């Protein structure tokens, strides 16, 4: 019997395991710094458009 029924689950768990192996010996500070750098890089590459929230959607 297969461990994962769907290939997407297989991929997700493989990537999570690989990421765990890469980061398990990092200190919390190192892990936060690494995450911050990768997030900044992804944001620069994606160039997200920031939308203003309409006033009627903001609760008072």
PDB file of N, CA and C in Angstrom:
ATOM      1  N   UNK A   1       0.836  -1.179   0.000  1.00  0.00           N
ATOM      2  CA  UNK A   1       0.000   0.000   0.000  1.00  0.00           C
ATOM      3  C   UNK A   1       0.888   1.253   0.000  1.00  0.00           C
ATOM      4  N   UNK A   2       0.477   2.229  -0.787  1.00  0.00           N
ATOM      5  CA  UNK A   2       1.234   3.466  -0.873  1.00  0.00           C
ATOM      6  C   UNK A   2       1.101   4.262   0.414  1.00  0.00           C
ATOM      7  N   UNK A   3       2.169   4.990   0.749  1.00  0.00           N
ATOM      8  CA  UNK A   3       2.126   5.818   1.947  1.00  0.00           C
ATOM      9  C   UNK A   3       1.191   7.006   1.742  1.00  0.00           C
ATOM     10  N   UNK A   4       1.259   7.661   0.566  1.00  0.00           N
ATOM     11  CA  UNK A   4       0.429   8.820   0.265  1.00  0.00           C
ATOM     12  C   UNK A   4      -0.422   8.517  -0.958  1.00  0.00           C
ATOM     13  N   UNK A   5      -1.694   8.785  -0.851  1.00  0.00           N
ATOM     14  CA  UNK A   5      -2.626   8.499  -1.931  1.00  0.00           C
ATOM     15  C   UNK A   5      -2.458   9.481  -3.088  1.00  0.00           C
ATOM     16  N   UNK A   6      -2.107  10.737  -2.762  1.00  0.00           N
ATOM     17  CA  UNK A   6      -2.010  11.766  -3.790  1.00  0.00           C
ATOM     18  C   UNK A   6      -0.563  12.207  -3.966  1.00  0.00           C
ATOM     19  N   UNK A   7      -0.173  12.434  -5.212  1.00  0.00           N
ATOM     20  CA  UNK A   7       1.200  12.845  -5.489  1.00  0.00           C
ATOM     21  C   UNK A   7       1.519  14.191  -4.850  1.00  0.00           C
ATOM     22  N   UNK A   8       0.530  15.061  -4.742  1.00  0.00           N
ATOM     23  CA  UNK A   8       0.782  16.366  -4.129  1.00  0.00           C
ATOM     24  C   UNK A   8       1.182  16.193  -2.659  1.00  0.00           C
ATOM     25  N   UNK A   9       0.545  15.268  -1.958  1.00  0.00           N
ATOM     26  CA  UNK A   9       0.917  15.006  -0.563  1.00  0.00           C
ATOM     27  C   UNK A   9       2.324  14.424  -0.486  1.00  0.00           C
ATOM     28  N   UNK A  10       2.643  13.557  -1.406  1.00  0.00           N
ATOM     29  CA  UNK A  10       3.982  12.963  -1.451  1.00  0.00           C
ATOM     30  C   UNK A  10       5.019  14.076  -1.613  1.00  0.00           C
ATOM     31  N   UNK A  11       4.754  15.010  -2.539  1.00  0.00           N
ATOM     32  CA  UNK A  11       5.673  16.110  -2.784  1.00  0.00           C
ATOM     33  C   UNK A  11       5.801  17.004  -1.552  1.00  0.00           C
ATOM     34  N   UNK A  12       4.675  17.376  -0.956  1.00  0.00           N
ATOM     35  CA  UNK A  12       4.688  18.248   0.217  1.00  0.00           C
ATOM     36  C   UNK A  12       5.500  17.639   1.352  1.00  0.00           C
ATOM     37  N   UNK A  13       5.290  16.365   1.622  1.00  0.00           N
ATOM     38  CA  UNK A  13       5.992  15.725   2.735  1.00  0.00           C
ATOM     39  C   UNK A  13       7.477  15.538   2.429  1.00  0.00           C
ATOM     40  N   UNK A  14       7.812  15.308   1.188  1.00  0.00           N
ATOM     41  CA  UNK A  14       9.228  15.190   0.814  1.00  0.00           C
ATOM     42  C   UNK A  14       9.930  16.522   1.010  1.00  0.00           C
ATOM     43  N   UNK A  15       9.311  17.603   0.558  1.00  0.00           N
ATOM     44  CA  UNK A  15       9.898  18.934   0.699  1.00  0.00           C
ATOM     45  C   UNK A  15      10.020  19.313   2.174  1.00  0.00           C
ATOM     46  N   UNK A  16       9.000  19.027   2.968  1.00  0.00           N
ATOM     47  CA  UNK A  16       9.054  19.325   4.408  1.00  0.00           C
ATOM     48  C   UNK A  16      10.185  18.559   5.081  1.00  0.00           C
ATOM     49  N   UNK A  17      10.359  17.299   4.702  1.00  0.00           N
ATOM     50  CA  UNK A  17      11.433  16.502   5.288  1.00  0.00           C
ATOM     51  C   UNK A  17      12.799  17.064   4.897  1.00  0.00           C
ATOM     52  N   UNK A  18      12.959  17.440   3.634  1.00  0.00           N
ATOM     53  CA  UNK A  18      14.221  18.021   3.185  1.00  0.00           C
ATOM     54  C   UNK A  18      14.513  19.327   3.922  1.00  0.00           C
ATOM     55  N   UNK A  19      13.497  20.162   4.079  1.00  0.00           N
ATOM     56  CA  UNK A  19      13.664  21.444   4.771  1.00  0.00           C
ATOM     57  C   UNK A  19      14.013  21.216   6.241  1.00  0.00           C
ATOM     58  N   UNK A  20      13.398  20.232   6.854  1.00  0.00           N
ATOM     59  CA  UNK A  20      13.709  19.909   8.251  1.00  0.00           C
ATOM     60  C   UNK A  20      15.174  19.489   8.381  1.00  0.00           C
ATOM     61  N   UNK A  21      15.629  18.653   7.475  1.00  0.00           N
ATOM     62  CA  UNK A  21      17.021  18.186   7.523  1.00  0.00           C
ATOM     63  C   UNK A  21      17.999  19.355   7.382  1.00  0.00           C
ATOM     64  N   UNK A  22      17.648  20.333   6.555  1.00  0.00           N
ATOM     65  CA  UNK A  22      18.522  21.487   6.353  1.00  0.00           C
ATOM     66  C   UNK A  22      18.532  22.428   7.554  1.00  0.00           C
ATOM     67  N   UNK A  23      17.445  22.472   8.306  1.00  0.00           N
ATOM     68  CA  UNK A  23      17.317  23.476   9.355  1.00  0.00           C
ATOM     69  C   UNK A  23      17.349  22.938  10.782  1.00  0.00           C
ATOM     70  N   UNK A  24      17.417  21.648  10.971  1.00  0.00           N
ATOM     71  CA  UNK A  24      17.289  21.109  12.332  1.00  0.00           C
ATOM     72  C   UNK A  24      18.442  21.505  13.255  1.00  0.00           C
ATOM     73  N   UNK A  25      19.596  21.846  12.708  1.00  0.00           N
ATOM     74  CA  UNK A  25      20.736  22.223  13.547  1.00  0.00           C
ATOM     75  C   UNK A  25      20.921  23.732  13.661  1.00  0.00           C
ATOM     76  N   UNK A  26      20.007  24.515  13.110  1.00  0.00           N
ATOM     77  CA  UNK A  26      20.113  25.966  13.192  1.00  0.00           C
ATOM     78  C   UNK A  26      19.552  26.475  14.513  1.00  0.00           C
ATOM     79  N   UNK A  27      20.129  27.562  14.984  1.00  0.00           N
ATOM     80  CA  UNK A  27      19.570  28.203  16.175  1.00  0.00           C
ATOM     81  C   UNK A  27      18.303  28.935  15.751  1.00  0.00           C
ATOM     82  N   UNK A  28      17.449  29.275  16.702  1.00  0.00           N
ATOM     83  CA  UNK A  28      16.242  30.026  16.337  1.00  0.00           C
ATOM     84  C   UNK A  28      16.574  31.324  15.589  1.00  0.00           C
ATOM     85  N   UNK A  29      17.604  32.018  16.017  1.00  0.00           N
ATOM     86  CA  UNK A  29      18.009  33.265  15.368  1.00  0.00           C
ATOM     87  C   UNK A  29      18.423  33.013  13.912  1.00  0.00           C
ATOM     88  N   UNK A  30      19.218  31.969  13.689  1.00  0.00           N
ATOM     89  CA  UNK A  30      19.643  31.631  12.326  1.00  0.00           C
ATOM     90  C   UNK A  30      18.452  31.249  11.452  1.00  0.00           C
ATOM     91  N   UNK A  31      17.524  30.526  12.014  1.00  0.00           N
ATOM     92  CA  UNK A  31      16.340  30.106  11.272  1.00  0.00           C
ATOM     93  C   UNK A  31      15.470  31.302  10.880  1.00  0.00           C
ATOM     94  N   UNK A  32      15.291  32.237  11.809  1.00  0.00           N
ATOM     95  CA  UNK A  32      14.509  33.439  11.518  1.00  0.00           C
ATOM     96  C   UNK A  32      15.203  34.261  10.439  1.00  0.00           C
ATOM     97  N   UNK A  33      16.505  34.422  10.541  1.00  0.00           N
ATOM     98  CA  UNK A  33      17.254  35.193   9.550  1.00  0.00           C
ATOM     99  C   UNK A  33      17.160  34.546   8.166  1.00  0.00           C
ATOM    100  N   UNK A  34      17.298  33.252   8.110  1.00  0.00           N
ATOM    101  CA  UNK A  34      17.202  32.535   6.834  1.00  0.00           C
ATOM    102  C   UNK A  34      15.802  32.690   6.226  1.00  0.00           C
ATOM    103  N   UNK A  35      14.785  32.581   7.060  1.00  0.00           N
ATOM    104  CA  UNK A  35      13.410  32.727   6.602  1.00  0.00           C
ATOM    105  C   UNK A  35      13.151  34.148   6.102  1.00  0.00           C
ATOM    106  N   UNK A  36      13.650  35.143   6.836  1.00  0.00           N
ATOM    107  CA  UNK A  36      13.473  36.534   6.440  1.00  0.00           C
ATOM    108  C   UNK A  36      14.092  36.804   5.072  1.00  0.00           C
ATOM    109  N   UNK A  37      15.315  36.316   4.860  1.00  0.00           N
ATOM    110  CA  UNK A  37      15.991  36.528   3.581  1.00  0.00           C
ATOM    111  C   UNK A  37      15.234  35.878   2.427  1.00  0.00           C
ATOM    112  N   UNK A  38      14.764  34.671   2.625  1.00  0.00           N
ATOM    113  CA  UNK A  38      14.051  33.990   1.539  1.00  0.00           C
ATOM    114  C   UNK A  38      12.699  34.649   1.264  1.00  0.00           C
ATOM    115  N   UNK A  39      12.058  35.169   2.310  1.00  0.00           N
ATOM    116  CA  UNK A  39      10.783  35.854   2.133  1.00  0.00           C
ATOM    117  C   UNK A  39      10.974  37.157   1.374  1.00  0.00           C
ATOM    118  N   UNK A  40      12.009  37.916   1.725  1.00  0.00           N
ATOM    119  CA  UNK A  40      12.294  39.167   1.018  1.00  0.00           C
ATOM    120  C   UNK A  40      12.584  38.892  -0.452  1.00  0.00           C
ATOM    121  N   UNK A  41      13.333  37.851  -0.711  1.00  0.00           N
ATOM    122  CA  UNK A  41      13.663  37.494  -2.085  1.00  0.00           C
ATOM    123  C   UNK A  41      12.406  37.124  -2.870  1.00  0.00           C
ATOM    124  N   UNK A  42      11.552  36.335  -2.275  1.00  0.00           N
ATOM    125  CA  UNK A  42      10.308  35.930  -2.948  1.00  0.00           C
ATOM    126  C   UNK A  42       9.428  37.149  -3.222  1.00  0.00           C
ATOM    127  N   UNK A  43       9.340  38.064  -2.271  1.00  0.00           N
ATOM    128  CA  UNK A  43       8.517  39.268  -2.449  1.00  0.00           C
ATOM    129  C   UNK A  43       9.063  40.128  -3.580  1.00  0.00           C
ATOM    130  N   UNK A  44      10.385  40.258  -3.663  1.00  0.00           N
ATOM    131  CA  UNK A  44      10.975  41.035  -4.756  1.00  0.00           C
ATOM    132  C   UNK A  44      10.663  40.395  -6.098  1.00  0.00           C
ATOM    133  N   UNK A  45      10.755  39.077  -6.184  1.00  0.00           N
ATOM    134  CA  UNK A  45      10.514  38.377  -7.443  1.00  0.00           C
ATOM    135  C   UNK A  45       9.052  38.410  -7.862  1.00  0.00           C
ATOM    136  N   UNK A  46       8.127  38.336  -6.891  1.00  0.00           N
ATOM    137  CA  UNK A  46       6.705  38.305  -7.203  1.00  0.00           C
ATOM    138  C   UNK A  46       6.121  39.695  -7.461  1.00  0.00           C
ATOM    139  N   UNK A  47       6.760  40.723  -6.896  1.00  0.00           N
ATOM    140  CA  UNK A  47       6.301  42.108  -7.037  1.00  0.00           C
ATOM    141  C   UNK A  47       4.801  42.233  -6.755  1.00  0.00           C
ATOM    142  N   UNK A  48       4.392  41.930  -5.528  1.00  0.00           N
ATOM    143  CA  UNK A  48       2.960  41.974  -5.221  1.00  0.00           C
ATOM    144  C   UNK A  48       2.406  43.400  -5.294  1.00  0.00           C
ATOM    145  N   UNK A  49       1.183  43.507  -5.727  1.00  0.00           N
ATOM    146  CA  UNK A  49       0.495  44.791  -5.787  1.00  0.00           C
ATOM    147  C   UNK A  49      -0.286  44.964  -4.489  1.00  0.00           C
ATOM    148  N   UNK A  50      -0.069  46.067  -3.810  1.00  0.00           N
ATOM    149  CA  UNK A  50      -0.746  46.322  -2.546  1.00  0.00           C
ATOM    150  C   UNK A  50      -1.987  47.156  -2.824  1.00  0.00           C
ATOM    151  N   UNK A  51      -3.120  46.638  -2.400  1.00  0.00           N
ATOM    152  CA  UNK A  51      -4.403  47.311  -2.597  1.00  0.00           C
ATOM    153  C   UNK A  51      -4.797  48.023  -1.317  1.00  0.00           C
ATOM    154  N   UNK A  52      -5.435  49.188  -1.461  1.00  0.00           N
ATOM    155  CA  UNK A  52      -5.949  49.887  -0.296  1.00  0.00           C
ATOM    156  C   UNK A  52      -7.261  49.249   0.123  1.00  0.00           C
ATOM    157  N   UNK A  53      -7.494  49.190   1.409  1.00  0.00           N
ATOM    158  CA  UNK A  53      -8.752  48.658   1.925  1.00  0.00           C
ATOM    159  C   UNK A  53      -9.807  49.751   1.887  1.00  0.00           C
ATOM    160  N   UNK A  54     -10.972  49.407   1.405  1.00  0.00           N
ATOM    161  CA  UNK A  54     -12.063  50.371   1.339  1.00  0.00           C
ATOM    162  C   UNK A  54     -12.497  50.706   2.764  1.00  0.00           C
ATOM    163  N   UNK A  55     -12.795  51.970   3.007  1.00  0.00           N
ATOM    164  CA  UNK A  55     -13.156  52.424   4.347  1.00  0.00           C
ATOM    165  C   UNK A  55     -14.321  51.663   4.955  1.00  0.00           C
ATOM    166  N   UNK A  56     -15.274  51.238   4.120  1.00  0.00           N
ATOM    167  CA  UNK A  56     -16.436  50.542   4.662  1.00  0.00           C
ATOM    168  C   UNK A  56     -16.082  49.138   5.178  1.00  0.00           C
ATOM    169  N   UNK A  57     -14.914  48.628   4.811  1.00  0.00           N
ATOM    170  CA  UNK A  57     -14.510  47.298   5.258  1.00  0.00           C
ATOM    171  C   UNK A  57     -13.748  47.348   6.587  1.00  0.00           C
ATOM    172  N   UNK A  58     -13.335  48.541   6.978  1.00  0.00           N
ATOM    173  CA  UNK A  58     -12.586  48.673   8.224  1.00  0.00           C
ATOM    174  C   UNK A  58     -13.573  48.867   9.367  1.00  0.00           C
ATOM    175  N   UNK A  59     -13.472  47.987  10.371  1.00  0.00           N
ATOM    176  CA  UNK A  59     -14.390  48.123  11.510  1.00  0.00           C
ATOM    177  C   UNK A  59     -13.905  49.239  12.430  1.00  0.00           C
ATOM    178  N   UNK A  60     -14.876  49.913  13.040  1.00  0.00           N
ATOM    179  CA  UNK A  60     -14.547  51.068  13.909  1.00  0.00           C
ATOM    180  C   UNK A  60     -14.409  50.655  15.343  1.00  0.00           C
TER     181      UNK A  60
END
